[in-house]
Amino acid sequence: MSPIAFDNSYARLPPRFYAAVAPTPVTAPRLIRLNVSLAVRLGLDPRWLSSPEGVAMLSGNGMPAGAASIATAYAGHQFGGFSPQLGDGRAILLGEVIDRDGRRCDLQLKGAGPTPFSRRGDGRAALGPVLREYIVSEAMAALGVPTTRALAAVLTGESVRRETALPGAVLTRVASSHIRIGTFQYFAARGDLEALRLLAEHVIARHYPACAGEGRYLALLEAVVAAQASLIAQWMTVGFIHGVMNTDNMSIAGETIDYGPCAFMDAYHPTTVFSSIDEHGRYAYANQPPIARWNLTRFAETMLPLLDGDLDKAVPIAQAALDRFDPQFQTHLIAGFRRKLGLATEEAEDVVLIKGLLDAMQDGEADFTLVFRRLSEAAGRDSPEACRNLFKDPATFDAWEGRWRERSQREPVPAEARRDAMLRVNPLYIPRNHQVEAVIETAVERDDFAPFEALVDVLAKPFEAQSGREDYERPPAVHERVLATFCGT
């Protein structure tokens, strides 16, 4: 009997949706870390996953019964240019499981070897990008942001060649699905209306069952728009920058997916970019909402023939759905920043108050995460000296703080309750770039994973002050600043 109860719905779609392919075995797999709590939630046995047979599966060396390993087909706009065929070039979907809450989840190996979509690539992953995705995706989950998850990281015992020879690794990724905007674009580019319809029906059944019934394709478009509006607002309120918001990197399920040159801001600035390949700032922090809308427009284009056989009628229907993005995003964004400022009620001038703080943070080169955290710690108490000291010129903060305290006094919630609420939404710990790079360097250069383990453990409780872990709070010193992050390919 298989130790995993697979139920592979995507593999039951027609063969043009994917390529059946087996992972390429590796020389000497070694488990780096198993996400035990996630394994339990998925209904998987952590003891088996840690066993030689389990590690063989997690490395691609052995498939349990019921697995249906496939590489999925998709297209995508990459930095604005359309590629009609991309697909899983170094990722192989093992199959799907139903977790303990009845939710369907994909198990996918990243770095499992070449596939028909590899485009001359080696299909492998280096250790650094595997650790980065494990750290950041699990940190996002702990912050409450919808995301893919990391089940395990495994060393392969082999080297991969990038600029230099690097240790190879495999990440086991868990997602609600790996269906992307680019998946719809793949079939739209081929004029394959039957496949578009099958894909839409699959997505409705899997992710948006409330959309089923008459008008379901419009309901699906509206649901995806709403999911992305909520997701991007959450990115903005934690200072997250995805780095490569290509349409093949946007999940139809509304999860954060494909952590490449992603990063969290330290000092606040709306034009912040880290990705080394984003030379013109297309995916800068403040550009993420309009890019999400642009990507959703590409999704809407694929849906036109499903919305109405008459293109002249389908376009305004799709446009009306897309027009919902901006107001939905703004509603989520303002609500998120209200919570960060301890405001449970709504006043028209709150938008001005929020913008005032962000402007002061930009002018004062203040740390995004710590400003909100120190403000939380001081809410209803003494003047937030620790917060004002984060600003290059504290006077820029002082002028704003008086307006915030005046606004807070109109809240019906007691000061201590407001403080507690703020501490629950303003993290103390985020995966700061200099810390992520440091643990990766130690792992790659010394085969020492203790710093990686420690960082993952700290980030699992981002809102709780952890005694003895004060170093994880601090922004980078000038010489520690990471100015560029890199894709794993």
Protein backbone atom coordinates (compact mmCIF):
# COMPACT_ATOMS: atom_id res chain seq x y z
CA MET A 1 0.00 0.00 0.00
CA SER A 2 1.32 3.46 -0.93
CA PRO A 3 2.26 5.69 2.03
CA ILE A 4 0.62 8.60 0.17
CA ALA A 5 -2.98 8.62 -1.03
CA PHE A 6 -2.64 10.40 -4.37
CA ASP A 7 -5.66 11.64 -6.33
CA ASN A 8 -4.26 13.19 -9.49
CA SER A 9 -6.99 15.27 -11.13
CA TYR A 10 -4.69 17.34 -13.37
CA ALA A 11 -3.15 14.21 -14.85
CA ARG A 12 -6.66 13.13 -15.87
CA LEU A 13 -6.89 16.10 -18.24
CA PRO A 14 -5.93 15.48 -21.90
CA PRO A 15 -2.23 14.77 -22.63
CA ARG A 16 -1.68 18.18 -24.27
CA PHE A 17 -1.93 19.78 -20.82
CA TYR A 18 1.37 18.24 -19.69
CA ALA A 19 4.24 15.91 -20.49
CA ALA A 20 4.60 12.68 -18.56
CA VAL A 21 8.17 12.63 -17.28
CA ALA A 22 10.03 10.95 -14.44
CA PRO A 23 12.46 12.78 -12.17
CA THR A 24 16.13 12.18 -12.88
CA PRO A 25 17.76 10.23 -10.02
CA VAL A 26 20.48 11.90 -7.98
CA THR A 27 23.68 10.47 -6.56
CA ALA A 28 23.49 10.90 -2.80
CA PRO A 29 20.29 12.49 -1.48
CA ARG A 30 20.44 13.94 2.01
CA LEU A 31 17.54 15.52 3.85
CA ILE A 32 18.23 19.12 4.89
CA ARG A 33 14.89 19.88 6.52
CA LEU A 34 11.42 18.39 6.62
CA ASN A 35 8.46 20.65 7.41
CA VAL A 36 6.89 18.33 9.96
CA SER A 37 3.84 20.47 10.76
CA LEU A 38 2.99 20.83 7.06
CA ALA A 39 3.44 17.11 6.52
CA VAL A 40 0.96 16.40 9.30
CA ARG A 41 -1.54 18.89 7.84
CA LEU A 42 -1.25 17.12 4.51
CA GLY A 43 -1.95 13.79 6.17
CA LEU A 44 1.57 12.53 5.42
CA ASP A 45 3.70 10.54 7.85
CA PRO A 46 6.80 12.58 8.83
CA ARG A 47 8.59 9.42 9.92
CA TRP A 48 8.14 7.86 6.50
CA LEU A 49 9.15 11.08 4.73
CA SER A 50 12.36 11.11 6.80
CA SER A 51 13.09 7.47 6.03
CA PRO A 52 15.33 6.36 3.14
CA GLU A 53 12.22 5.67 1.02
CA GLY A 54 10.76 9.05 1.84
CA VAL A 55 13.96 10.90 1.08
CA ALA A 56 14.18 8.94 -2.18
CA MET A 57 10.78 10.36 -3.16
CA LEU A 58 11.70 13.88 -2.04
CA SER A 59 14.84 13.75 -4.19
CA GLY A 60 13.24 12.13 -7.23
CA ASN A 61 14.96 8.77 -6.75
CA GLY A 62 11.82 6.76 -6.09
CA MET A 63 8.12 7.22 -6.69
CA PRO A 64 5.49 5.67 -4.42
CA ALA A 65 2.51 3.96 -5.98
CA GLY A 66 -0.14 6.38 -7.17
CA ALA A 67 2.23 9.16 -8.16
CA ALA A 68 1.76 10.51 -11.69
CA SER A 69 4.84 12.59 -12.42
CA ILE A 70 4.22 15.26 -15.04
CA ALA A 71 5.60 18.59 -16.20
CA THR A 72 2.81 21.05 -16.93
CA ALA A 73 2.57 23.16 -20.06
CA TYR A 74 2.14 26.93 -19.94
CA ALA A 75 3.10 30.12 -21.74
CA GLY A 76 3.66 33.60 -20.36
CA HIS A 77 4.56 37.23 -20.69
CA GLN A 78 8.06 37.68 -19.30
CA PHE A 79 8.93 41.34 -18.70
CA GLY A 80 6.21 42.22 -21.19
CA GLY A 81 7.33 39.91 -24.00
CA PHE A 82 5.19 36.88 -24.83
CA SER A 83 6.63 33.35 -24.96
CA PRO A 84 4.04 30.93 -26.36
CA GLN A 85 5.69 27.90 -24.74
CA LEU A 86 7.43 27.82 -21.38
CA GLY A 87 6.25 25.01 -19.10
CA ASP A 88 7.89 23.27 -16.15
CA GLY A 89 11.54 23.22 -17.15
CA ARG A 90 12.93 22.06 -13.81
CA ALA A 91 9.85 21.14 -11.83
CA ILE A 92 7.93 17.88 -11.84
CA LEU A 93 4.48 17.46 -10.31
CA LEU A 94 4.37 14.18 -8.39
CA GLY A 95 0.65 14.23 -7.77
CA GLU A 96 -2.12 15.60 -5.60
CA VAL A 97 -3.21 14.83 -2.06
CA ILE A 98 -6.26 15.83 -0.03
CA ASP A 99 -5.18 17.42 3.24
CA ARG A 100 -6.88 17.02 6.61
CA ASP A 101 -9.17 19.98 5.89
CA GLY A 102 -10.36 18.43 2.64
CA ARG A 103 -8.28 20.76 0.44
CA ARG A 104 -6.54 19.45 -2.65
CA CYS A 105 -2.80 20.17 -2.80
CA ASP A 106 -0.05 19.57 -5.36
CA LEU A 107 3.25 17.98 -4.41
CA GLN A 108 5.95 19.20 -6.80
CA LEU A 109 9.70 18.67 -6.96
CA LYS A 110 11.74 21.71 -8.04
CA GLY A 111 15.15 20.81 -9.40
CA ALA A 112 14.17 17.25 -10.30
CA GLY A 113 15.87 17.16 -13.69
CA PRO A 114 15.14 18.09 -17.31
CA THR A 115 11.70 17.92 -18.88
CA PRO A 116 10.49 18.47 -22.45
CA PHE A 117 10.05 22.14 -21.46
CA SER A 118 13.62 22.66 -20.20
CA ARG A 119 14.77 24.69 -23.23
CA ARG A 120 18.33 23.33 -23.06
CA GLY A 121 18.45 23.83 -19.28
CA ASP A 122 19.74 21.20 -16.89
CA GLY A 123 16.48 21.00 -14.95
CA ARG A 124 18.38 21.20 -11.69
CA ALA A 125 18.31 23.67 -8.80
CA ALA A 126 21.21 25.07 -6.83
CA LEU A 127 21.14 24.92 -3.05
CA GLY A 128 20.92 28.70 -2.57
CA PRO A 129 17.63 29.26 -4.43
CA VAL A 130 16.12 26.18 -2.76
CA LEU A 131 16.93 27.54 0.69
CA ARG A 132 15.70 31.03 -0.28
CA GLU A 133 12.33 29.67 -1.42
CA TYR A 134 12.02 27.51 1.70
CA ILE A 135 12.78 30.47 3.98
CA VAL A 136 10.65 33.09 2.26
CA SER A 137 7.63 30.95 1.39
CA GLU A 138 7.39 29.64 4.95
CA ALA A 139 7.84 33.16 6.32
CA MET A 140 4.99 34.36 4.10
CA ALA A 141 2.78 31.54 5.39
CA ALA A 142 3.55 32.54 8.99
CA LEU A 143 2.68 36.15 8.12
CA GLY A 144 -0.71 34.95 6.89
CA VAL A 145 -0.10 35.71 3.20
CA PRO A 146 -1.49 33.13 0.73
CA THR A 147 1.49 31.22 -0.62
CA THR A 148 2.91 27.99 -1.84
CA ARG A 149 4.65 26.07 0.94
CA ALA A 150 7.91 24.19 1.35
CA LEU A 151 7.56 20.59 2.50
CA ALA A 152 11.22 19.58 2.30
CA ALA A 153 14.67 20.51 1.05
CA VAL A 154 17.11 17.79 0.00
CA LEU A 155 20.74 17.89 -1.09
CA THR A 156 21.43 15.83 -4.21
CA GLY A 157 25.10 15.05 -3.67
CA GLU A 158 25.77 16.53 -7.09
CA SER A 159 26.94 19.91 -8.37
CA VAL A 160 25.09 22.19 -10.75
CA ARG A 161 26.84 24.63 -13.01
CA ARG A 162 25.78 28.26 -12.90
CA GLU A 163 28.50 30.95 -12.86
CA THR A 164 30.44 28.42 -10.78
CA ALA A 165 29.86 24.89 -9.57
CA LEU A 166 27.31 24.89 -6.74
CA PRO A 167 25.75 22.20 -4.55
CA GLY A 168 22.54 20.85 -6.06
CA ALA A 169 19.28 20.53 -4.15
CA VAL A 170 15.60 19.70 -4.62
CA LEU A 171 12.69 21.55 -3.04
CA THR A 172 9.36 19.83 -2.48
CA ARG A 173 6.76 22.53 -3.02
CA VAL A 174 3.12 22.36 -1.96
CA ALA A 175 0.47 24.47 -3.71
CA SER A 176 -3.29 24.58 -4.07
CA SER A 177 -2.36 24.02 -7.71
CA HIS A 178 0.31 25.11 -10.16
CA ILE A 179 -2.17 26.55 -12.65
CA ARG A 180 -1.09 29.99 -13.79
CA ILE A 181 -2.35 32.79 -15.96
CA GLY A 182 0.24 31.45 -18.37
CA THR A 183 -1.54 28.08 -18.43
CA PHE A 184 -4.59 29.77 -19.96
CA GLN A 185 -2.33 31.73 -22.31
CA TYR A 186 -0.75 28.50 -23.57
CA PHE A 187 -4.04 27.25 -24.96
CA ALA A 188 -5.32 30.66 -26.04
CA ALA A 189 -2.19 31.15 -28.16
CA ARG A 190 -3.00 27.89 -29.93
CA GLY A 191 -6.64 28.75 -30.47
CA ASP A 192 -7.55 25.63 -28.49
CA LEU A 193 -11.02 26.57 -27.25
CA GLU A 194 -11.79 23.06 -26.06
CA ALA A 195 -8.72 23.05 -23.82
CA LEU A 196 -9.56 26.53 -22.49
CA ARG A 197 -13.02 25.34 -21.57
CA LEU A 198 -11.67 22.17 -19.91
CA LEU A 199 -9.12 24.20 -17.99
CA ALA A 200 -11.70 26.73 -16.83
CA GLU A 201 -14.02 23.95 -15.68
CA HIS A 202 -11.14 22.29 -13.82
CA VAL A 203 -10.22 25.56 -12.07
CA ILE A 204 -13.84 26.24 -11.09
CA ALA A 205 -14.25 22.77 -9.62
CA ARG A 206 -10.90 22.90 -7.84
CA HIS A 207 -10.58 26.48 -6.64
CA TYR A 208 -13.84 28.36 -7.07
CA PRO A 209 -16.79 25.96 -6.73
CA ALA A 210 -19.06 28.89 -5.82
CA CYS A 211 -18.68 30.05 -9.42
CA ALA A 212 -20.34 26.93 -10.83
CA GLY A 213 -23.61 27.39 -12.67
CA GLU A 214 -24.86 29.84 -15.25
CA GLY A 215 -22.41 32.62 -16.00
CA ARG A 216 -19.59 30.59 -14.46
CA TYR A 217 -16.80 31.84 -16.73
CA LEU A 218 -17.49 35.47 -15.87
CA ALA A 219 -17.74 34.47 -12.22
CA LEU A 220 -14.35 32.76 -12.53
CA LEU A 221 -12.76 35.87 -14.02
CA GLU A 222 -14.22 38.01 -11.26
CA ALA A 223 -13.04 35.56 -8.59
CA VAL A 224 -9.46 35.53 -9.89
CA VAL A 225 -9.45 39.34 -10.03
CA ALA A 226 -10.69 39.48 -6.43
CA ALA A 227 -8.12 36.93 -5.23
CA GLN A 228 -5.25 38.84 -6.80
CA ALA A 229 -6.49 42.19 -5.46
CA SER A 230 -6.42 40.75 -1.95
CA LEU A 231 -3.04 39.04 -2.43
CA ILE A 232 -1.19 42.06 -3.80
CA ALA A 233 -2.56 44.26 -1.01
CA GLN A 234 -1.12 41.80 1.51
CA TRP A 235 2.26 41.93 -0.24
CA MET A 236 2.24 45.70 0.05
CA THR A 237 1.42 45.74 3.76
CA VAL A 238 4.37 43.49 4.63
CA GLY A 239 6.84 45.19 2.27
CA PHE A 240 7.25 42.16 -0.01
CA ILE A 241 8.63 42.52 -3.54
CA HIS A 242 8.10 39.50 -5.78
CA GLY A 243 10.68 40.48 -8.36
CA VAL A 244 9.37 38.57 -11.40
CA MET A 245 5.63 39.15 -11.76
CA ASN A 246 5.48 37.50 -15.17
CA THR A 247 2.13 35.99 -16.13
CA ASP A 248 3.60 32.50 -15.78
CA ASN A 249 4.41 33.39 -12.15
CA MET A 250 0.85 34.36 -11.17
CA SER A 251 -1.26 31.62 -9.67
CA ILE A 252 -4.91 31.32 -10.63
CA ALA A 253 -5.52 30.20 -7.04
CA GLY A 254 -4.38 33.58 -5.67
CA GLU A 255 -1.26 32.24 -3.95
CA THR A 256 2.22 33.73 -4.04
CA ILE A 257 4.23 31.44 -6.29
CA ASP A 258 7.74 31.19 -7.76
CA TYR A 259 10.10 32.78 -5.27
CA GLY A 260 13.10 33.76 -7.35
CA PRO A 261 14.75 37.15 -6.74
CA CYS A 262 12.10 38.06 -4.18
CA ALA A 263 12.89 40.23 -1.17
CA PHE A 264 11.46 42.27 1.68
CA MET A 265 12.17 45.99 1.89
CA ASP A 266 14.33 47.34 4.65
CA ALA A 267 14.18 51.15 4.38
CA TYR A 268 10.91 52.19 2.78
CA HIS A 269 10.93 53.53 -0.76
CA PRO A 270 8.18 52.89 -3.32
CA THR A 271 10.63 52.36 -6.20
CA THR A 272 12.59 49.65 -4.41
CA VAL A 273 13.85 46.89 -6.71
CA PHE A 274 16.09 43.97 -5.82
CA SER A 275 15.88 41.61 -8.80
CA SER A 276 19.10 41.73 -10.80
CA ILE A 277 17.18 41.10 -14.03
CA ASP A 278 14.62 43.88 -13.46
CA GLU A 279 16.85 46.55 -14.94
CA HIS A 280 14.06 49.09 -15.53
CA GLY A 281 12.07 48.58 -12.33
CA ARG A 282 9.06 47.01 -14.04
CA TYR A 283 8.34 44.97 -10.91
CA ALA A 284 9.32 47.54 -8.27
CA TYR A 285 7.38 47.59 -5.01
CA ALA A 286 4.94 50.34 -6.03
CA ASN A 287 4.48 48.88 -9.53
CA GLN A 288 3.10 45.58 -8.25
CA PRO A 289 -0.59 46.63 -8.23
CA PRO A 290 -0.64 47.97 -11.83
CA ILE A 291 1.37 44.97 -13.01
CA ALA A 292 -1.13 42.63 -11.36
CA ARG A 293 -3.90 44.43 -13.23
CA TRP A 294 -1.91 44.16 -16.47
CA ASN A 295 -1.45 40.43 -15.92
CA LEU A 296 -5.14 40.01 -15.16
CA THR A 297 -5.92 41.76 -18.42
CA ARG A 298 -3.89 39.08 -20.21
CA PHE A 299 -5.94 36.47 -18.35
CA ALA A 300 -9.17 38.20 -19.36
CA GLU A 301 -8.06 38.09 -23.00
CA THR A 302 -7.83 34.29 -22.83
CA MET A 303 -11.34 34.15 -21.38
CA LEU A 304 -13.03 36.23 -24.10
CA PRO A 305 -14.26 33.29 -26.23
CA LEU A 306 -15.73 31.69 -23.11
CA LEU A 307 -17.52 34.86 -22.05
CA ASP A 308 -19.30 35.35 -25.38
CA GLY A 309 -18.93 34.01 -28.89
CA ASP A 310 -19.24 37.59 -30.16
CA LEU A 311 -15.95 39.36 -29.39
CA ASP A 312 -17.61 42.78 -29.45
CA LYS A 313 -19.85 41.63 -26.61
CA ALA A 314 -17.15 39.74 -24.71
CA VAL A 315 -14.72 42.67 -24.42
CA PRO A 316 -16.95 45.00 -22.36
CA ILE A 317 -17.94 42.07 -20.13
CA ALA A 318 -14.28 41.34 -19.41
CA GLN A 319 -13.48 45.02 -18.97
CA ALA A 320 -16.19 45.41 -16.35
CA ALA A 321 -14.65 42.52 -14.39
CA LEU A 322 -11.16 44.03 -14.67
CA ASP A 323 -12.44 47.41 -13.53
CA ARG A 324 -13.17 45.83 -10.16
CA PHE A 325 -9.47 45.30 -9.44
CA ASP A 326 -8.51 48.85 -8.46
CA PRO A 327 -11.32 49.51 -5.98
CA GLN A 328 -10.98 46.01 -4.49
CA PHE A 329 -7.23 46.41 -4.14
CA GLN A 330 -7.57 49.85 -2.56
CA THR A 331 -10.17 48.56 -0.11
CA HIS A 332 -7.88 45.72 0.99
CA LEU A 333 -4.82 47.96 1.10
CA ILE A 334 -6.40 50.70 3.21
CA ALA A 335 -7.97 48.12 5.53
CA GLY A 336 -4.57 46.46 5.95
CA PHE A 337 -2.81 49.70 6.81
CA ARG A 338 -5.64 50.71 9.15
CA ARG A 339 -5.04 47.49 11.06
CA LYS A 340 -1.32 48.20 11.14
CA LEU A 341 -2.08 51.61 12.68
CA GLY A 342 -4.55 50.21 15.21
CA LEU A 343 -7.64 51.73 13.59
CA ALA A 344 -10.75 49.58 13.80
CA THR A 345 -13.12 52.28 12.53
CA GLU A 346 -13.05 54.10 9.20
CA GLU A 347 -12.64 57.81 8.60
CA ALA A 348 -12.23 59.51 5.25
CA GLU A 349 -8.94 61.13 6.23
CA ASP A 350 -7.33 57.79 7.11
CA VAL A 351 -5.92 57.56 3.58
CA VAL A 352 -4.12 60.87 4.11
CA LEU A 353 -2.84 59.66 7.49
CA ILE A 354 -1.46 56.45 5.96
CA LYS A 355 0.18 58.28 3.08
CA GLY A 356 1.64 60.77 5.52
CA LEU A 357 3.46 58.05 7.41
CA LEU A 358 4.76 56.40 4.24
CA ASP A 359 6.00 59.76 2.96
CA ALA A 360 7.73 60.42 6.28
CA MET A 361 9.30 56.96 6.15
CA GLN A 362 10.55 57.61 2.62
CA ASP A 363 12.00 61.00 3.53
CA GLY A 364 13.47 59.65 6.76
CA GLU A 365 14.84 56.42 5.19
CA ALA A 366 13.10 54.51 7.95
CA ASP A 367 12.79 50.74 8.13
CA PHE A 368 9.36 49.64 6.92
CA THR A 369 8.88 46.70 9.27
CA LEU A 370 10.31 48.23 12.42
CA VAL A 371 8.41 51.52 12.12
CA PHE A 372 5.10 49.70 12.38
CA ARG A 373 6.38 47.33 15.06
CA ARG A 374 7.81 50.07 17.28
CA LEU A 375 4.65 52.08 16.78
CA SER A 376 2.67 49.05 17.97
CA GLU A 377 4.79 48.65 21.06
CA ALA A 378 4.21 52.29 22.00
CA ALA A 379 0.49 52.46 21.20
CA GLY A 380 -1.44 53.86 24.17
CA ARG A 381 1.77 54.33 26.13
CA ASP A 382 4.64 56.79 26.16
CA SER A 383 5.98 58.63 23.14
CA PRO A 384 7.47 56.05 20.74
CA GLU A 385 11.11 57.05 21.07
CA ALA A 386 12.29 53.78 19.57
CA CYS A 387 10.13 54.48 16.54
CA ARG A 388 11.16 58.09 16.00
CA ASN A 389 14.83 57.10 16.24
CA LEU A 390 14.37 55.01 13.09
CA PHE A 391 14.00 58.23 11.08
CA LYS A 392 17.03 60.08 9.78
CA ASP A 393 15.31 63.29 10.89
CA PRO A 394 12.95 62.41 13.77
CA ALA A 395 11.07 65.67 13.25
CA THR A 396 9.52 64.17 10.11
CA PHE A 397 7.96 61.51 12.34
CA ASP A 398 6.97 63.86 15.17
CA ALA A 399 4.67 65.92 12.97
CA TRP A 400 2.86 62.79 11.83
CA GLU A 401 2.70 61.14 15.25
CA GLY A 402 0.56 63.90 16.71
CA ARG A 403 -2.06 63.37 14.00
CA TRP A 404 -2.01 59.61 14.59
CA ARG A 405 -2.51 59.95 18.34
CA GLU A 406 -5.36 62.38 17.81
CA ARG A 407 -6.99 59.96 15.38
CA SER A 408 -6.43 57.01 17.74
CA GLN A 409 -8.24 58.78 20.54
CA ARG A 410 -11.45 58.61 18.52
CA GLU A 411 -11.28 54.81 18.46
CA PRO A 412 -13.84 53.04 20.70
CA VAL A 413 -11.29 50.33 21.55
CA PRO A 414 -9.19 50.72 24.74
CA ALA A 415 -5.55 51.63 24.17
CA GLU A 416 -4.15 48.31 25.40
CA ALA A 417 -6.52 46.38 23.17
CA ARG A 418 -5.41 48.51 20.21
CA ARG A 419 -1.80 47.82 21.09
CA ASP A 420 -2.40 44.06 21.25
CA ALA A 421 -4.22 44.15 17.91
CA MET A 422 -1.34 46.04 16.30
CA LEU A 423 1.23 43.58 17.65
CA ARG A 424 -0.74 40.76 16.03
CA VAL A 425 -0.43 42.26 12.54
CA ASN A 426 2.94 44.04 12.61
CA PRO A 427 5.75 41.48 12.52
CA LEU A 428 8.97 41.83 14.42
CA TYR A 429 10.78 39.33 12.21
CA ILE A 430 10.87 39.15 8.41
CA PRO A 431 13.33 37.29 6.18
CA ARG A 432 15.75 40.16 5.82
CA ASN A 433 17.94 39.91 2.77
CA HIS A 434 21.26 40.09 4.59
CA GLN A 435 20.21 37.31 6.95
CA VAL A 436 18.93 35.09 4.14
CA GLU A 437 22.15 35.58 2.19
CA ALA A 438 24.24 34.86 5.28
CA VAL A 439 22.57 31.51 6.02
CA ILE A 440 22.78 30.53 2.34
CA GLU A 441 26.49 31.34 2.24
CA THR A 442 27.14 29.29 5.37
CA ALA A 443 25.22 26.34 3.94
CA VAL A 444 26.86 26.49 0.52
CA GLU A 445 30.41 27.21 1.67
CA ARG A 446 30.56 25.16 4.89
CA ASP A 447 27.76 22.59 4.57
CA ASP A 448 26.46 24.08 7.84
CA PHE A 449 22.67 24.31 8.05
CA ALA A 450 22.36 25.38 11.68
CA PRO A 451 21.93 29.09 10.81
CA PHE A 452 19.31 28.16 8.20
CA GLU A 453 17.41 26.09 10.76
CA ALA A 454 17.58 28.91 13.30
CA LEU A 455 16.29 31.51 10.85
CA VAL A 456 13.39 29.31 9.75
CA ASP A 457 12.44 28.71 13.38
CA VAL A 458 12.49 32.43 14.22
CA LEU A 459 10.40 33.34 11.18
CA ALA A 460 7.78 30.74 12.11
CA LYS A 461 6.66 33.13 14.89
CA PRO A 462 7.02 36.56 13.27
CA PHE A 463 4.75 38.44 15.69
CA GLU A 464 6.20 37.11 18.96
CA ALA A 465 9.23 38.73 20.60
CA GLN A 466 11.72 35.90 21.08
CA SER A 467 14.25 36.28 23.87
CA GLY A 468 17.85 36.02 22.73
CA ARG A 469 16.93 36.55 19.09
CA GLU A 470 17.25 40.33 18.96
CA ASP A 471 19.78 40.16 16.11
CA TYR A 472 17.03 38.87 13.83
CA GLU A 473 15.08 42.10 14.35
CA ARG A 474 17.65 44.54 13.16
CA PRO A 475 17.93 46.08 9.70
CA PRO A 476 21.24 45.60 7.90
CA ALA A 477 24.20 47.81 8.63
CA VAL A 478 25.44 49.76 5.62
CA HIS A 479 28.05 47.13 4.77
CA GLU A 480 25.44 44.33 5.05
CA ARG A 481 22.88 45.74 2.63
CA VAL A 482 21.87 43.42 -0.18
CA LEU A 483 21.17 45.49 -3.27
CA ALA A 484 20.51 42.70 -5.77
CA THR A 485 18.88 39.28 -5.64
CA PHE A 486 19.15 36.66 -8.36
CA CYS A 487 17.04 34.04 -10.12
CA GLY A 488 17.92 30.42 -9.49
CA THR A 489 18.25 29.65 -13.19
